[in-house]
Structure formats: structure tokens, C-alpha cells
Amino acid sequence: MKQIDTLEQWYTFSDMLSAAGYRLFPSQCEENNEEGYKVRLFASGRPDLYITTRDAEVYNAILQYKPSGFERG
């Protein structure tokens, strides 16, 4: 599980995810628990990844992620 605290961290990490072919898991729910918001990503032939954040702005940016060429805030 990867903790992302800032938009800058997310943008850097999202570039690596895109290069590795990761996509958002089709169904995300707003799960705000003791770990914060949790998002699942997957890629063919790779292990699923989970990202957590306590920041709502970061969470919303993650939900806008597309494997290549997504809009940044």
C-alpha cells in the first residue's frame, strides 16, 4: 500500500503508474476510514496496487487518473 500526501507526490507516482500500464479499478467507493481514502489500481501481469490518502483533493485527482495524458489540476 502506498500513502500519497500531496498532489506533487501523486503526479510523480502517476507517471510511474502510467509507464507500467496501471489503470484504476472500475469501481471505486469513497472509503474514508482510519487509513484515509483508498484506491485500487491494476495492470496486466502485475500485482494490484492500493493507494491511500487523507487529502480529499489528492483523492479527487487520483479518480481523474487515466494511464496516459490525464489532466493535472
N, C-alpha and C. Protein backbone atom coordinates (compact mmCIF):
# COMPACT_ATOMS: atom_id res chain seq x y z
N MET A 1 0.85 -1.17 0.00
CA MET A 1 0.00 0.00 0.00
C MET A 1 0.89 1.23 0.00
N LYS A 2 0.54 2.19 -0.84
CA LYS A 2 1.32 3.42 -0.99
C LYS A 2 0.52 4.58 -0.43
N GLN A 3 1.13 5.36 0.47
CA GLN A 3 0.50 6.55 1.03
C GLN A 3 0.92 7.76 0.21
N ILE A 4 -0.04 8.53 -0.28
CA ILE A 4 0.22 9.75 -1.04
C ILE A 4 -0.37 10.91 -0.25
N ASP A 5 0.46 11.92 0.06
CA ASP A 5 0.01 13.02 0.90
C ASP A 5 -0.18 14.35 0.17
N THR A 6 0.45 14.49 -1.00
CA THR A 6 0.37 15.76 -1.72
C THR A 6 0.11 15.52 -3.21
N LEU A 7 -0.38 16.55 -3.89
CA LEU A 7 -0.59 16.44 -5.33
C LEU A 7 0.74 16.23 -6.05
N GLU A 8 1.80 16.85 -5.59
CA GLU A 8 3.11 16.66 -6.21
C GLU A 8 3.54 15.19 -6.14
N GLN A 9 3.34 14.56 -4.98
CA GLN A 9 3.65 13.13 -4.85
C GLN A 9 2.80 12.31 -5.82
N TRP A 10 1.52 12.66 -5.91
CA TRP A 10 0.63 11.91 -6.79
C TRP A 10 1.07 12.03 -8.24
N TYR A 11 1.37 13.24 -8.70
CA TYR A 11 1.76 13.44 -10.10
C TYR A 11 3.04 12.67 -10.43
N THR A 12 4.00 12.65 -9.53
CA THR A 12 5.23 11.90 -9.75
C THR A 12 4.93 10.40 -9.81
N PHE A 13 4.14 9.91 -8.85
CA PHE A 13 3.82 8.48 -8.80
C PHE A 13 2.95 8.07 -9.99
N SER A 14 2.04 8.94 -10.41
CA SER A 14 1.14 8.61 -11.52
C SER A 14 1.91 8.44 -12.83
N ASP A 15 3.00 9.18 -13.00
CA ASP A 15 3.84 8.99 -14.19
C ASP A 15 4.41 7.58 -14.22
N MET A 16 4.84 7.07 -13.07
CA MET A 16 5.36 5.70 -12.99
C MET A 16 4.25 4.68 -13.24
N LEU A 17 3.07 4.94 -12.68
CA LEU A 17 1.94 4.03 -12.89
C LEU A 17 1.57 3.96 -14.37
N SER A 18 1.54 5.11 -15.02
CA SER A 18 1.19 5.16 -16.43
C SER A 18 2.20 4.38 -17.27
N ALA A 19 3.48 4.55 -16.98
CA ALA A 19 4.53 3.84 -17.72
C ALA A 19 4.41 2.33 -17.54
N ALA A 20 3.91 1.90 -16.38
CA ALA A 20 3.76 0.47 -16.10
C ALA A 20 2.41 -0.08 -16.56
N GLY A 21 1.54 0.78 -17.10
CA GLY A 21 0.26 0.33 -17.62
C GLY A 21 -0.85 0.17 -16.59
N TYR A 22 -0.69 0.78 -15.42
CA TYR A 22 -1.73 0.66 -14.38
C TYR A 22 -2.95 1.51 -14.73
N ARG A 23 -4.13 0.97 -14.39
CA ARG A 23 -5.41 1.65 -14.57
C ARG A 23 -6.18 1.59 -13.26
N LEU A 24 -7.12 2.51 -13.11
CA LEU A 24 -7.99 2.47 -11.93
C LEU A 24 -8.88 1.26 -11.99
N PHE A 25 -9.10 0.62 -10.88
CA PHE A 25 -10.06 -0.47 -10.81
C PHE A 25 -11.43 0.13 -11.10
N PRO A 26 -12.27 -0.54 -11.90
CA PRO A 26 -13.51 0.06 -12.38
C PRO A 26 -14.44 0.64 -11.31
N SER A 27 -14.52 0.04 -10.16
CA SER A 27 -15.44 0.58 -9.16
C SER A 27 -14.66 1.06 -7.95
N GLN A 28 -14.78 2.34 -7.69
CA GLN A 28 -14.15 2.95 -6.52
C GLN A 28 -15.28 3.48 -5.65
N CYS A 29 -15.12 3.30 -4.36
CA CYS A 29 -16.09 3.90 -3.45
C CYS A 29 -15.32 4.84 -2.53
N GLU A 30 -16.00 5.83 -2.07
CA GLU A 30 -15.36 6.78 -1.18
C GLU A 30 -15.23 6.13 0.19
N GLU A 31 -14.09 5.56 0.41
CA GLU A 31 -13.86 4.83 1.65
C GLU A 31 -12.94 5.68 2.51
N ASN A 32 -13.52 6.41 3.43
CA ASN A 32 -12.73 7.28 4.29
C ASN A 32 -12.74 6.68 5.68
N ASN A 33 -11.70 5.89 5.96
CA ASN A 33 -11.61 5.24 7.26
C ASN A 33 -10.33 5.70 7.95
N GLU A 34 -9.83 4.94 8.90
CA GLU A 34 -8.64 5.36 9.64
C GLU A 34 -7.41 5.50 8.74
N GLU A 35 -7.38 4.82 7.61
CA GLU A 35 -6.26 4.94 6.67
C GLU A 35 -6.47 6.11 5.71
N GLY A 36 -7.66 6.65 5.65
CA GLY A 36 -7.99 7.69 4.69
C GLY A 36 -8.74 7.09 3.52
N TYR A 37 -8.72 7.79 2.40
CA TYR A 37 -9.35 7.30 1.18
C TYR A 37 -8.46 6.22 0.57
N LYS A 38 -9.07 5.16 0.06
CA LYS A 38 -8.31 4.06 -0.53
C LYS A 38 -8.74 3.85 -1.97
N VAL A 39 -7.75 3.69 -2.88
CA VAL A 39 -7.99 3.50 -4.30
C VAL A 39 -7.20 2.28 -4.76
N ARG A 40 -7.80 1.48 -5.64
CA ARG A 40 -7.15 0.27 -6.16
C ARG A 40 -6.81 0.46 -7.63
N LEU A 41 -5.61 0.05 -8.03
CA LEU A 41 -5.19 0.10 -9.42
C LEU A 41 -4.72 -1.28 -9.86
N PHE A 42 -4.82 -1.55 -11.16
CA PHE A 42 -4.41 -2.86 -11.67
C PHE A 42 -3.72 -2.71 -13.01
N ALA A 43 -2.90 -3.71 -13.35
CA ALA A 43 -2.23 -3.77 -14.65
C ALA A 43 -2.06 -5.24 -15.00
N SER A 44 -2.11 -5.54 -16.27
CA SER A 44 -1.97 -6.91 -16.74
C SER A 44 -0.60 -7.48 -16.35
N GLY A 45 -0.62 -8.62 -15.70
CA GLY A 45 0.61 -9.30 -15.33
C GLY A 45 1.36 -8.68 -14.17
N ARG A 46 0.74 -7.76 -13.46
CA ARG A 46 1.38 -7.09 -12.32
C ARG A 46 0.45 -7.18 -11.11
N PRO A 47 1.02 -7.07 -9.92
CA PRO A 47 0.17 -7.11 -8.74
C PRO A 47 -0.69 -5.84 -8.63
N ASP A 48 -1.88 -6.00 -8.05
CA ASP A 48 -2.73 -4.84 -7.80
C ASP A 48 -2.03 -3.92 -6.80
N LEU A 49 -2.27 -2.62 -6.95
CA LEU A 49 -1.73 -1.63 -6.04
C LEU A 49 -2.86 -0.91 -5.32
N TYR A 50 -2.62 -0.56 -4.08
CA TYR A 50 -3.57 0.22 -3.30
C TYR A 50 -2.89 1.51 -2.89
N ILE A 51 -3.59 2.61 -3.09
CA ILE A 51 -3.08 3.92 -2.69
C ILE A 51 -4.03 4.47 -1.64
N THR A 52 -3.46 5.04 -0.60
CA THR A 52 -4.28 5.71 0.41
C THR A 52 -3.84 7.17 0.50
N THR A 53 -4.81 8.02 0.85
CA THR A 53 -4.53 9.43 1.10
C THR A 53 -5.55 9.93 2.11
N ARG A 54 -5.16 10.91 2.86
CA ARG A 54 -6.08 11.56 3.80
C ARG A 54 -6.57 12.90 3.23
N ASP A 55 -6.07 13.27 2.07
CA ASP A 55 -6.38 14.55 1.46
C ASP A 55 -7.44 14.39 0.37
N ALA A 56 -8.56 15.07 0.52
CA ALA A 56 -9.67 14.95 -0.44
C ALA A 56 -9.27 15.45 -1.83
N GLU A 57 -8.44 16.48 -1.92
CA GLU A 57 -8.00 17.00 -3.21
C GLU A 57 -7.14 15.96 -3.95
N VAL A 58 -6.26 15.30 -3.22
CA VAL A 58 -5.44 14.24 -3.81
C VAL A 58 -6.33 13.09 -4.26
N TYR A 59 -7.29 12.71 -3.43
CA TYR A 59 -8.22 11.63 -3.77
C TYR A 59 -8.95 11.94 -5.08
N ASN A 60 -9.46 13.16 -5.21
CA ASN A 60 -10.17 13.55 -6.43
C ASN A 60 -9.25 13.54 -7.65
N ALA A 61 -7.99 13.94 -7.48
CA ALA A 61 -7.02 13.89 -8.58
C ALA A 61 -6.76 12.45 -8.99
N ILE A 62 -6.67 11.55 -8.02
CA ILE A 62 -6.45 10.13 -8.32
C ILE A 62 -7.62 9.58 -9.14
N LEU A 63 -8.83 9.97 -8.78
CA LEU A 63 -10.01 9.48 -9.50
C LEU A 63 -10.05 9.98 -10.95
N GLN A 64 -9.33 11.05 -11.26
CA GLN A 64 -9.26 11.58 -12.62
C GLN A 64 -8.16 10.92 -13.45
N TYR A 65 -7.37 10.05 -12.83
CA TYR A 65 -6.23 9.41 -13.49
C TYR A 65 -6.66 8.54 -14.66
N LYS A 66 -5.93 8.68 -15.74
CA LYS A 66 -6.02 7.79 -16.90
C LYS A 66 -4.58 7.43 -17.25
N PRO A 67 -4.34 6.22 -17.75
CA PRO A 67 -2.97 5.75 -17.93
C PRO A 67 -2.02 6.67 -18.70
N SER A 68 -2.53 7.48 -19.60
CA SER A 68 -1.62 8.41 -20.28
C SER A 68 -2.38 9.67 -20.63
N GLY A 69 -1.73 10.78 -20.44
CA GLY A 69 -2.29 12.06 -20.85
C GLY A 69 -3.45 12.57 -20.02
N PHE A 70 -3.53 12.23 -18.74
CA PHE A 70 -4.64 12.73 -17.94
C PHE A 70 -4.40 14.18 -17.54
N GLU A 71 -5.48 14.88 -17.27
CA GLU A 71 -5.40 16.31 -16.91
C GLU A 71 -4.90 16.46 -15.48
N ARG A 72 -4.00 17.39 -15.29
CA ARG A 72 -3.47 17.69 -13.96
C ARG A 72 -4.06 19.01 -13.50
N GLY A 73 -4.78 18.92 -12.37
CA GLY A 73 -5.38 20.04 -11.68
C GLY A 73 -5.33 21.30 -12.37
